[in-house]
C-alpha atoms as a PDB file:
ATOM      1  CA  MET A   1      91.065 -19.840  12.815  1.00  0.00           C
ATOM      2  CA  TYR A   2      89.275 -22.535  14.611  1.00  0.00           C
ATOM      3  CA  PRO A   3      88.856 -25.798  12.576  1.00  0.00           C
ATOM      4  CA  SER A   4      86.020 -26.749  14.348  1.00  0.00           C
ATOM      5  CA  VAL A   5      84.054 -23.431  13.071  1.00  0.00           C
ATOM      6  CA  PRO A   6      82.331 -24.221   9.141  1.00  0.00           C
ATOM      7  CA  TRP A   7      83.502 -21.960   6.918  1.00  0.00           C
ATOM      8  CA  SER A   8      79.877 -20.410   6.046  1.00  0.00           C
ATOM      9  CA  PHE A   9      78.118 -17.320   6.773  1.00  0.00           C
ATOM     10  CA  LEU A  10      77.772 -16.975  10.604  1.00  0.00           C
ATOM     11  CA  GLY A  11      79.867 -20.227  10.627  1.00  0.00           C
ATOM     12  CA  LEU A  12      76.346 -22.274  10.500  1.00  0.00           C
ATOM     13  CA  SER A  13      76.717 -25.790  10.188  1.00  0.00           C
ATOM     14  CA  SER A  14      74.537 -28.188   7.990  1.00  0.00           C
ATOM     15  CA  SER A  15      72.612 -29.295  11.028  1.00  0.00           C
ATOM     16  CA  GLU A  16      71.619 -25.806  11.502  1.00  0.00           C
ATOM     17  CA  THR A  17      71.438 -24.802   7.978  1.00  0.00           C
ATOM     18  CA  SER A  18      70.637 -26.639   4.759  1.00  0.00           C
ATOM     19  CA  TYR A  19      69.604 -25.204   0.786  1.00  0.00           C
ATOM     20  CA  GLU A  20      66.307 -26.676   1.011  1.00  0.00           C
ATOM     21  CA  LYS A  21      64.974 -25.098   4.203  1.00  0.00           C
ATOM     22  CA  ALA A  22      66.980 -21.467   4.053  1.00  0.00           C
ATOM     23  CA  ARG A  23      65.286 -18.391   3.402  1.00  0.00           C
ATOM     24  CA  PHE A  24      68.127 -16.738   2.603  1.00  0.00           C
ATOM     25  CA  ILE A  25      71.468 -18.174   0.260  1.00  0.00           C
ATOM     26  CA  VAL A  26      74.818 -16.332   0.510  1.00  0.00           C
ATOM     27  CA  ILE A  27      76.195 -16.227  -2.943  1.00  0.00           C
ATOM     28  CA  PRO A  28      80.431 -14.891  -2.938  1.00  0.00           C
ATOM     29  CA  ILE A  29      81.441 -13.189  -5.728  1.00  0.00           C
ATOM     30  CA  PRO A  30      85.543 -12.797  -5.429  1.00  0.00           C
ATOM     31  CA  TYR A  31      85.630 -10.298  -8.717  1.00  0.00           C
ATOM     32  CA  ASP A  32      87.466  -6.986  -9.020  1.00  0.00           C
ATOM     33  CA  THR A  33      88.518  -6.620 -12.783  1.00  0.00           C
ATOM     34  CA  THR A  34      87.604  -2.849 -13.305  1.00  0.00           C
ATOM     35  CA  GLU A  35      88.969  -1.584  -9.690  1.00  0.00           C
ATOM     36  CA  SER A  36      90.187   2.235 -10.585  1.00  0.00           C
ATOM     37  CA  TYR A  37      92.070   2.698  -7.450  1.00  0.00           C
ATOM     38  CA  ARG A  38      92.643  -0.412  -4.293  1.00  0.00           C
ATOM     39  CA  PRO A  39      92.696  -3.780  -6.261  1.00  0.00           C
ATOM     40  CA  GLY A  40      91.939  -6.603  -3.983  1.00  0.00           C
ATOM     41  CA  SER A  41      87.961  -6.737  -3.495  1.00  0.00           C
ATOM     42  CA  ARG A  42      88.234 -10.391  -5.103  1.00  0.00           C
ATOM     43  CA  ASN A  43      89.283 -11.150  -1.134  1.00  0.00           C
ATOM     44  CA  GLY A  44      86.469  -9.710   0.087  1.00  0.00           C
ATOM     45  CA  PRO A  45      83.759 -12.425   0.308  1.00  0.00           C
ATOM     46  CA  HIS A  46      86.140 -14.828   2.028  1.00  0.00           C
ATOM     47  CA  GLN A  47      87.459 -12.400   4.669  1.00  0.00           C
ATOM     48  CA  ILE A  48      83.853 -11.246   5.545  1.00  0.00           C
ATOM     49  CA  ILE A  49      82.421 -15.293   5.719  1.00  0.00           C
ATOM     50  CA  ASP A  50      86.085 -15.944   7.855  1.00  0.00           C
ATOM     51  CA  ALA A  51      84.995 -12.806   9.914  1.00  0.00           C
ATOM     52  CA  SER A  52      81.287 -13.841  10.150  1.00  0.00           C
ATOM     53  CA  ARG A  53      81.922 -16.776  12.038  1.00  0.00           C
ATOM     54  CA  TYR A  54      82.399 -15.038  14.914  1.00  0.00           C
ATOM     55  CA  VAL A  55      79.417 -12.718  14.722  1.00  0.00           C
ATOM     56  CA  GLU A  56      77.219 -12.720  17.811  1.00  0.00           C
ATOM     57  CA  LEU A  57      73.946 -15.080  17.079  1.00  0.00           C
ATOM     58  CA  PHE A  58      71.783 -13.204  19.133  1.00  0.00           C
ATOM     59  CA  ASP A  59      70.629  -9.556  18.047  1.00  0.00           C
ATOM     60  CA  LEU A  60      71.010  -7.599  21.309  1.00  0.00           C
ATOM     61  CA  GLU A  61      68.292  -4.943  19.415  1.00  0.00           C
ATOM     62  CA  LEU A  62      65.888  -7.973  17.988  1.00  0.00           C
ATOM     63  CA  LYS A  63      66.020  -9.727  21.135  1.00  0.00           C
ATOM     64  CA  GLN A  64      66.493 -13.098  18.493  1.00  0.00           C
ATOM     65  CA  GLU A  65      68.335 -14.886  17.099  1.00  0.00           C
ATOM     66  CA  PRO A  66      67.546 -14.186  13.248  1.00  0.00           C
ATOM     67  CA  TYR A  67      69.333 -16.990  11.438  1.00  0.00           C
ATOM     68  CA  LYS A  68      67.151 -19.153  12.122  1.00  0.00           C
ATOM     69  CA  LYS A  69      65.293 -17.665   9.593  1.00  0.00           C
ATOM     70  CA  GLY A  70      67.367 -20.067   7.359  1.00  0.00           C
ATOM     71  CA  ILE A  71      70.970 -18.931   6.010  1.00  0.00           C
ATOM     72  CA  PHE A  72      72.808 -21.189   3.655  1.00  0.00           C
ATOM     73  CA  THR A  73      76.401 -20.478   2.122  1.00  0.00           C
ATOM     74  CA  LEU A  74      76.810 -21.188  -1.603  1.00  0.00           C
ATOM     75  CA  ASP A  75      80.656 -22.150  -2.487  1.00  0.00           C
ATOM     76  CA  GLU A  76      82.667 -19.020  -4.056  1.00  0.00           C
ATOM     77  CA  MET A  77      81.536 -18.499  -7.654  1.00  0.00           C
ATOM     78  CA  GLU A  78      84.125 -19.265 -10.129  1.00  0.00           C
ATOM     79  CA  THR A  79      84.401 -15.568 -11.924  1.00  0.00           C
ATOM     80  CA  VAL A  80      85.982 -14.550 -15.401  1.00  0.00           C
ATOM     81  CA  ARG A  81      88.912 -11.999 -14.565  1.00  0.00           C
ATOM     82  CA  GLY A  82      88.922  -9.986 -17.385  1.00  0.00           C
ATOM     83  CA  ASN A  83      85.627 -10.759 -19.147  1.00  0.00           C
ATOM     84  CA  VAL A  84      82.851  -8.543 -16.996  1.00  0.00           C
ATOM     85  CA  ALA A  85      79.726  -9.989 -19.525  1.00  0.00           C
ATOM     86  CA  GLU A  86      80.648 -13.402 -18.613  1.00  0.00           C
ATOM     87  CA  THR A  87      80.817 -12.717 -15.212  1.00  0.00           C
ATOM     88  CA  LEU A  88      77.590 -10.937 -15.605  1.00  0.00           C
ATOM     89  CA  ASP A  89      75.977 -13.664 -17.088  1.00  0.00           C
ATOM     90  CA  ARG A  90      77.373 -15.959 -14.240  1.00  0.00           C
ATOM     91  CA  ILE A  91      76.083 -14.101 -11.406  1.00  0.00           C
ATOM     92  CA  ARG A  92      72.593 -13.156 -13.459  1.00  0.00           C
ATOM     93  CA  PHE A  93      72.469 -17.343 -13.613  1.00  0.00           C
ATOM     94  CA  SER A  94      73.254 -18.090 -10.337  1.00  0.00           C
ATOM     95  CA  VAL A  95      70.822 -15.677  -8.893  1.00  0.00           C
ATOM     96  CA  ARG A  96      67.936 -16.658 -11.170  1.00  0.00           C
ATOM     97  CA  LYS A  97      67.925 -20.091  -9.559  1.00  0.00           C
ATOM     98  CA  VAL A  98      67.742 -18.603  -5.706  1.00  0.00           C
ATOM     99  CA  LEU A  99      64.887 -16.715  -7.012  1.00  0.00           C
ATOM    100  CA  ASP A 100      63.331 -19.592  -8.641  1.00  0.00           C
ATOM    101  CA  ASP A 101      63.856 -21.568  -5.774  1.00  0.00           C
ATOM    102  CA  HIS A 102      61.748 -18.395  -3.723  1.00  0.00           C
ATOM    103  CA  LYS A 103      64.453 -17.515  -1.574  1.00  0.00           C
ATOM    104  CA  THR A 104      66.238 -14.611  -1.027  1.00  0.00           C
ATOM    105  CA  PRO A 105      69.701 -14.001  -2.602  1.00  0.00           C
ATOM    106  CA  ILE A 106      72.685 -12.190  -0.331  1.00  0.00           C
ATOM    107  CA  LEU A 107      75.563 -11.394  -2.934  1.00  0.00           C
ATOM    108  CA  ILE A 108      78.803 -11.165  -0.831  1.00  0.00           C
ATOM    109  CA  GLY A 109      81.499  -8.838  -3.662  1.00  0.00           C
ATOM    110  CA  GLY A 110      83.838  -7.998  -5.021  1.00  0.00           C
ATOM    111  CA  GLU A 111      83.148  -5.165  -6.721  1.00  0.00           C
ATOM    112  CA  HIS A 112      80.651  -3.204  -7.380  1.00  0.00           C
ATOM    113  CA  THR A 113      79.608  -4.253 -10.455  1.00  0.00           C
ATOM    114  CA  VAL A 114      78.425  -7.527  -9.208  1.00  0.00           C
ATOM    115  CA  THR A 115      75.338  -5.520  -8.598  1.00  0.00           C
ATOM    116  CA  LEU A 116      74.487  -5.707 -12.556  1.00  0.00           C
ATOM    117  CA  GLY A 117      74.779  -9.174 -12.967  1.00  0.00           C
ATOM    118  CA  GLY A 118      72.516  -9.181  -9.748  1.00  0.00           C
ATOM    119  CA  VAL A 119      69.842  -6.663 -10.503  1.00  0.00           C
ATOM    120  CA  LYS A 120      69.447  -8.093 -14.003  1.00  0.00           C
ATOM    121  CA  ALA A 121      67.964 -11.273 -12.543  1.00  0.00           C
ATOM    122  CA  PHE A 122      64.636  -9.303 -11.384  1.00  0.00           C
ATOM    123  CA  PRO A 123      62.108  -7.843 -13.049  1.00  0.00           C
ATOM    124  CA  LYS A 124      62.337  -4.544 -14.116  1.00  0.00           C
ATOM    125  CA  GLY A 125      59.308  -3.282 -11.599  1.00  0.00           C
ATOM    126  CA  ILE A 126      61.663  -3.641  -8.665  1.00  0.00           C
ATOM    127  CA  LEU A 127      63.055  -0.693  -6.705  1.00  0.00           C
ATOM    128  CA  VAL A 128      67.312  -0.558  -6.870  1.00  0.00           C
ATOM    129  CA  VAL A 129      67.927   1.356  -3.272  1.00  0.00           C
ATOM    130  CA  VAL A 130      71.818   1.683  -2.909  1.00  0.00           C
ATOM    131  CA  LEU A 131      73.947   3.305   0.099  1.00  0.00           C
ATOM    132  CA  ASP A 132      77.239   4.063  -1.354  1.00  0.00           C
ATOM    133  CA  ALA A 133      79.599   7.231  -0.925  1.00  0.00           C
ATOM    134  CA  HIS A 134      79.919   6.971  -4.732  1.00  0.00           C
ATOM    135  CA  ALA A 135      77.177   8.353  -7.358  1.00  0.00           C
ATOM    136  CA  ASP A 136      78.283   5.202  -9.917  1.00  0.00           C
ATOM    137  CA  LEU A 137      76.692   7.074 -12.587  1.00  0.00           C
ATOM    138  CA  ARG A 138      79.600   7.459 -15.463  1.00  0.00           C
ATOM    139  CA  ASP A 139      78.546   6.782 -19.026  1.00  0.00           C
ATOM    140  CA  SER A 140      82.149   4.997 -19.407  1.00  0.00           C
ATOM    141  CA  TYR A 141      85.052   5.101 -16.955  1.00  0.00           C
ATOM    142  CA  GLU A 142      88.618   4.623 -18.289  1.00  0.00           C
ATOM    143  CA  GLY A 143      87.320   3.280 -21.645  1.00  0.00           C
ATOM    144  CA  ASP A 144      84.841   0.578 -19.829  1.00  0.00           C
ATOM    145  CA  LYS A 145      81.005   1.127 -19.361  1.00  0.00           C
ATOM    146  CA  PHE A 146      81.091  -2.053 -17.081  1.00  0.00           C
ATOM    147  CA  SER A 147      82.956  -0.536 -14.808  1.00  0.00           C
ATOM    148  CA  HIS A 148      82.123  -0.118 -11.093  1.00  0.00           C
ATOM    149  CA  ALA A 149      81.890   3.673 -11.590  1.00  0.00           C
ATOM    150  CA  CYS A 150      79.182   3.119 -13.788  1.00  0.00           C
ATOM    151  CA  VAL A 151      77.219   0.344 -12.215  1.00  0.00           C
ATOM    152  CA  MET A 152      73.740   2.428 -11.376  1.00  0.00           C
ATOM    153  CA  ARG A 153      73.943   4.403 -15.093  1.00  0.00           C
ATOM    154  CA  ARG A 154      73.812   0.842 -16.478  1.00  0.00           C
ATOM    155  CA  ILE A 155      70.994  -0.289 -14.126  1.00  0.00           C
ATOM    156  CA  ILE A 156      68.945   2.911 -14.721  1.00  0.00           C
ATOM    157  CA  GLU A 157      69.431   2.378 -18.658  1.00  0.00           C
ATOM    158  CA  GLY A 158      68.122  -1.447 -17.788  1.00  0.00           C
ATOM    159  CA  GLY A 159      64.604   0.254 -17.360  1.00  0.00           C
ATOM    160  CA  ARG A 160      65.081   0.017 -13.155  1.00  0.00           C
ATOM    161  CA  SER A 161      64.572   3.008 -10.648  1.00  0.00           C
ATOM    162  CA  VAL A 162      67.223   4.007  -8.200  1.00  0.00           C
ATOM    163  CA  VAL A 163      67.754   5.800  -5.274  1.00  0.00           C
ATOM    164  CA  GLU A 164      71.139   6.416  -3.786  1.00  0.00           C
ATOM    165  CA  ILE A 165      72.036   7.022  -0.433  1.00  0.00           C
ATOM    166  CA  GLY A 166      74.763   8.907   1.345  1.00  0.00           C
ATOM    167  CA  VAL A 167      76.822  10.037  -1.867  1.00  0.00           C
ATOM    168  CA  ARG A 168      79.258  12.342  -1.379  1.00  0.00           C
ATOM    169  CA  SER A 169      81.682  12.419  -4.285  1.00  0.00           C
ATOM    170  CA  MET A 170      80.589  12.763  -8.274  1.00  0.00           C
ATOM    171  CA  SER A 171      82.078  14.102 -11.092  1.00  0.00           C
ATOM    172  CA  GLN A 172      80.156  17.219 -12.751  1.00  0.00           C
ATOM    173  CA  ASP A 173      78.681  15.028 -15.422  1.00  0.00           C
ATOM    174  CA  GLU A 174      77.045  12.718 -12.938  1.00  0.00           C
ATOM    175  CA  PHE A 175      75.631  15.984 -11.342  1.00  0.00           C
ATOM    176  CA  LYS A 176      74.178  16.839 -14.341  1.00  0.00           C
ATOM    177  CA  PHE A 177      72.881  13.493 -15.190  1.00  0.00           C
ATOM    178  CA  VAL A 178      71.103  13.304 -11.818  1.00  0.00           C
ATOM    179  CA  GLU A 179      69.603  16.858 -12.307  1.00  0.00           C
ATOM    180  CA  GLU A 180      68.396  16.344 -15.585  1.00  0.00           C
ATOM    181  CA  ASN A 181      66.773  12.800 -14.377  1.00  0.00           C
ATOM    182  CA  GLY A 182      64.989  14.095 -11.304  1.00  0.00           C
ATOM    183  CA  LEU A 183      67.033  10.861  -9.676  1.00  0.00           C
ATOM    184  CA  ALA A 184      65.916  10.342  -5.979  1.00  0.00           C
ATOM    185  CA  MET A 185      69.490  11.280  -4.127  1.00  0.00           C
ATOM    186  CA  PHE A 186      69.867  11.323  -0.681  1.00  0.00           C
ATOM    187  CA  TYR A 187      73.713  13.253  -0.597  1.00  0.00           C
ATOM    188  CA  ARG A 188      75.209  12.967   2.513  1.00  0.00           C
ATOM    189  CA  GLU A 189      75.031  16.634   4.102  1.00  0.00           C
ATOM    190  CA  ARG A 190      71.254  15.820   4.024  1.00  0.00           C
ATOM    191  CA  LEU A 191      71.456  13.058   6.182  1.00  0.00           C
ATOM    192  CA  ARG A 192      73.845  14.987   8.571  1.00  0.00           C
ATOM    193  CA  LYS A 193      71.429  18.259   8.735  1.00  0.00           C
ATOM    194  CA  ASP A 194      67.985  16.228   9.237  1.00  0.00           C
ATOM    195  CA  LEU A 195      68.226  12.206   9.528  1.00  0.00           C
ATOM    196  CA  LYS A 196      64.669  11.949  10.963  1.00  0.00           C
ATOM    197  CA  GLY A 197      63.661  13.817   7.617  1.00  0.00           C
ATOM    198  CA  ALA A 198      65.540  11.873   5.050  1.00  0.00           C
ATOM    199  CA  LEU A 199      64.384   8.906   6.942  1.00  0.00           C
ATOM    200  CA  ASN A 200      61.026  10.029   6.322  1.00  0.00           C
ATOM    201  CA  ALA A 201      61.157  10.738   2.571  1.00  0.00           C
ATOM    202  CA  ILE A 202      62.790   7.246   1.914  1.00  0.00           C
ATOM    203  CA  ARG A 203      60.281   5.538   3.823  1.00  0.00           C
ATOM    204  CA  ARG A 204      57.625   7.089   1.400  1.00  0.00           C
ATOM    205  CA  LEU A 205      59.956   6.150  -2.049  1.00  0.00           C
ATOM    206  CA  VAL A 206      60.334   2.399  -0.834  1.00  0.00           C
ATOM    207  CA  ASP A 207      57.038   1.738   1.078  1.00  0.00           C
ATOM    208  CA  GLY A 208      55.218  -1.453  -0.274  1.00  0.00           C
ATOM    209  CA  LYS A 209      57.953  -1.476  -2.995  1.00  0.00           C
ATOM    210  CA  THR A 210      59.830  -4.478  -3.725  1.00  0.00           C
ATOM    211  CA  VAL A 211      63.298  -3.808  -3.083  1.00  0.00           C
ATOM    212  CA  TYR A 212      67.157  -4.415  -4.154  1.00  0.00           C
ATOM    213  CA  LEU A 213      68.959  -3.518  -1.237  1.00  0.00           C
ATOM    214  CA  SER A 214      72.932  -2.906  -2.195  1.00  0.00           C
ATOM    215  CA  PHE A 215      75.805  -1.607   0.347  1.00  0.00           C
ATOM    216  CA  ASP A 216      79.008  -0.286  -0.681  1.00  0.00           C
ATOM    217  CA  VAL A 217      80.896  -0.547   2.297  1.00  0.00           C
ATOM    218  CA  ASP A 218      82.750   2.899   1.104  1.00  0.00           C
ATOM    219  CA  VAL A 219      79.780   4.818   2.532  1.00  0.00           C
ATOM    220  CA  LEU A 220      80.741   4.363   5.897  1.00  0.00           C
ATOM    221  CA  ASP A 221      83.621   6.599   7.401  1.00  0.00           C
ATOM    222  CA  PRO A 222      87.036   5.105   6.486  1.00  0.00           C
ATOM    223  CA  SER A 223      87.526   5.818  10.473  1.00  0.00           C
ATOM    224  CA  GLU A 224      84.920   2.927  10.583  1.00  0.00           C
ATOM    225  CA  ALA A 225      85.538   1.052   7.699  1.00  0.00           C
ATOM    226  CA  PRO A 226      88.906   1.738   6.028  1.00  0.00           C
ATOM    227  CA  ALA A 227      89.222  -1.334   4.141  1.00  0.00           C
ATOM    228  CA  VAL A 228      87.599  -0.183   0.954  1.00  0.00           C
ATOM    229  CA  SER A 229      88.684  -0.281  -2.780  1.00  0.00           C
ATOM    230  CA  THR A 230      87.890   3.909  -2.809  1.00  0.00           C
ATOM    231  CA  PRO A 231      87.822   5.152   0.733  1.00  0.00           C
ATOM    232  CA  GLU A 232      85.617   8.899   1.005  1.00  0.00           C
ATOM    233  CA  PRO A 233      86.135  11.188   3.988  1.00  0.00           C
ATOM    234  CA  ASP A 234      82.894  12.265   6.053  1.00  0.00           C
ATOM    235  CA  GLY A 235      80.797   9.113   5.605  1.00  0.00           C
ATOM    236  CA  LEU A 236      78.063   7.539   7.675  1.00  0.00           C
ATOM    237  CA  THR A 237      78.266   6.224  10.919  1.00  0.00           C
ATOM    238  CA  PHE A 238      77.689   2.412  11.688  1.00  0.00           C
ATOM    239  CA  TRP A 239      74.849   3.639  13.364  1.00  0.00           C
ATOM    240  CA  GLU A 240      72.895   5.929  10.952  1.00  0.00           C
ATOM    241  CA  ALA A 241      73.718   3.452   7.821  1.00  0.00           C
ATOM    242  CA  LYS A 242      71.869   0.600  10.172  1.00  0.00           C
ATOM    243  CA  GLU A 243      68.965   3.156  10.615  1.00  0.00           C
ATOM    244  CA  ILE A 244      68.585   3.928   7.028  1.00  0.00           C
ATOM    245  CA  ILE A 245      68.530   0.047   6.482  1.00  0.00           C
ATOM    246  CA  ARG A 246      66.050  -0.783   9.163  1.00  0.00           C
ATOM    247  CA  GLU A 247      63.215   1.999   7.417  1.00  0.00           C
ATOM    248  CA  VAL A 248      64.185   0.675   4.147  1.00  0.00           C
ATOM    249  CA  CYS A 249      63.870  -3.103   5.216  1.00  0.00           C
ATOM    250  CA  CYS A 250      60.741  -2.209   7.184  1.00  0.00           C
ATOM    251  CA  SER A 251      58.987  -0.137   5.108  1.00  0.00           C
ATOM    252  CA  SER A 252      59.552  -2.340   1.617  1.00  0.00           C
ATOM    253  CA  GLU A 253      59.927  -6.181   0.338  1.00  0.00           C
ATOM    254  CA  VAL A 254      63.398  -6.601   0.176  1.00  0.00           C
ATOM    255  CA  CYS A 255      64.360  -9.177  -2.816  1.00  0.00           C
ATOM    256  CA  GLY A 256      67.532  -9.342  -2.654  1.00  0.00           C
ATOM    257  CA  VAL A 257      71.105  -7.754  -1.036  1.00  0.00           C
ATOM    258  CA  ASP A 258      74.105  -7.377  -1.513  1.00  0.00           C
ATOM    259  CA  MET A 259      77.708  -6.281   0.569  1.00  0.00           C
ATOM    260  CA  VAL A 260      80.523  -5.142  -1.914  1.00  0.00           C
ATOM    261  CA  GLU A 261      83.619  -3.358  -2.861  1.00  0.00           C
ATOM    262  CA  VAL A 262      85.496  -4.590   0.940  1.00  0.00           C
ATOM    263  CA  THR A 263      89.245  -4.830   0.043  1.00  0.00           C
ATOM    264  CA  PRO A 264      90.849  -6.640   2.878  1.00  0.00           C
ATOM    265  CA  ILE A 265      94.260  -4.982   4.565  1.00  0.00           C
ATOM    266  CA  PRO A 266      96.817  -7.000   6.056  1.00  0.00           C
ATOM    267  CA  GLY A 267      96.779  -7.448   9.853  1.00  0.00           C
ATOM    268  CA  SER A 268      92.889  -5.628  10.151  1.00  0.00           C
ATOM    269  CA  VAL A 269      89.693  -7.323  10.056  1.00  0.00           C
ATOM    270  CA  VAL A 270      87.958  -4.091  11.136  1.00  0.00           C
ATOM    271  CA  THR A 271      85.890  -3.515   7.968  1.00  0.00           C
ATOM    272  CA  GLU A 272      85.369  -7.394   7.582  1.00  0.00           C
ATOM    273  CA  PHE A 273      83.392  -8.007  10.706  1.00  0.00           C
ATOM    274  CA  LEU A 274      81.555  -4.673  10.456  1.00  0.00           C
ATOM    275  CA  ALA A 275      80.630  -5.946   6.541  1.00  0.00           C
ATOM    276  CA  ALA A 276      79.131  -9.197   8.704  1.00  0.00           C
ATOM    277  CA  LYS A 277      77.282  -7.659  11.137  1.00  0.00           C
ATOM    278  CA  MET A 278      75.475  -5.495   8.727  1.00  0.00           C
ATOM    279  CA  LEU A 279      74.351  -7.999   6.759  1.00  0.00           C
ATOM    280  CA  TYR A 280      73.253  -9.744   9.777  1.00  0.00           C
ATOM    281  CA  LYS A 281      71.176  -6.516  10.924  1.00  0.00           C
ATOM    282  CA  ILE A 282      69.639  -6.808   7.292  1.00  0.00           C
ATOM    283  CA  VAL A 283      68.873 -10.455   7.826  1.00  0.00           C
ATOM    284  CA  GLY A 284      66.968  -9.563  10.961  1.00  0.00           C
ATOM    285  CA  TYR A 285      65.217  -6.482   9.638  1.00  0.00           C
ATOM    286  CA  VAL A 286      63.796  -8.313   6.610  1.00  0.00           C
ATOM    287  CA  ARG A 287      60.060  -8.718   7.053  1.00  0.00           C
END
């Protein structure tokens, strides 16, 4: 770590960005009360932002420097461990403030439950597009209806439509819920067999929609992103995920973004840097 590099997403200094001029507002949310396997995702936001300070600002694919759209990083949110409802309210309030200022929020978690707080700040007409290894459609988990394993179920119950991409693990009850409700689900196997066809189908679903994009890092294969709360074998590659995100961002109006479930492993920064890089790609792709 070099003290001369500011602690902000991409290491941007006050001379390069300000809240007033920024289009994107990064909200770090260090929260992991309901994690059921590897705890520690509350440390993810700090480590992702730290790693981001060494991401190259020039995007070779886009042949531009997307940070010039304007990115400002808020201080880490003060969450309430053990009180999910209060934390969700704080997230909703913070995101609503950003939206009222006509800016795009980027939430960095923390466990996937933070997505529920973010989504609640938006009108019900938005489409939630999530990349995740898990369906997160349980009605409750370990007696908790606001567990990270239930977040998409709560979002759907809140009257919002959801598209899930990259799922490769779920309970039998979740599978029945998907089948009975006709949810848009792009399983990992479908993406492997025909990525181009899946991208076309995703484009048709999101075309012209206002989209909230949620990226659970465990959608990626553990060989590329090992530092996650609930690793699942046979995940997407960085390239596959990038292709999907580019399709979503180019075909829709992305109004909010989150990156969740990074659980740092001591001595490794691979996953944190990957997450930071993916967030920067999203900034570049958003219209």
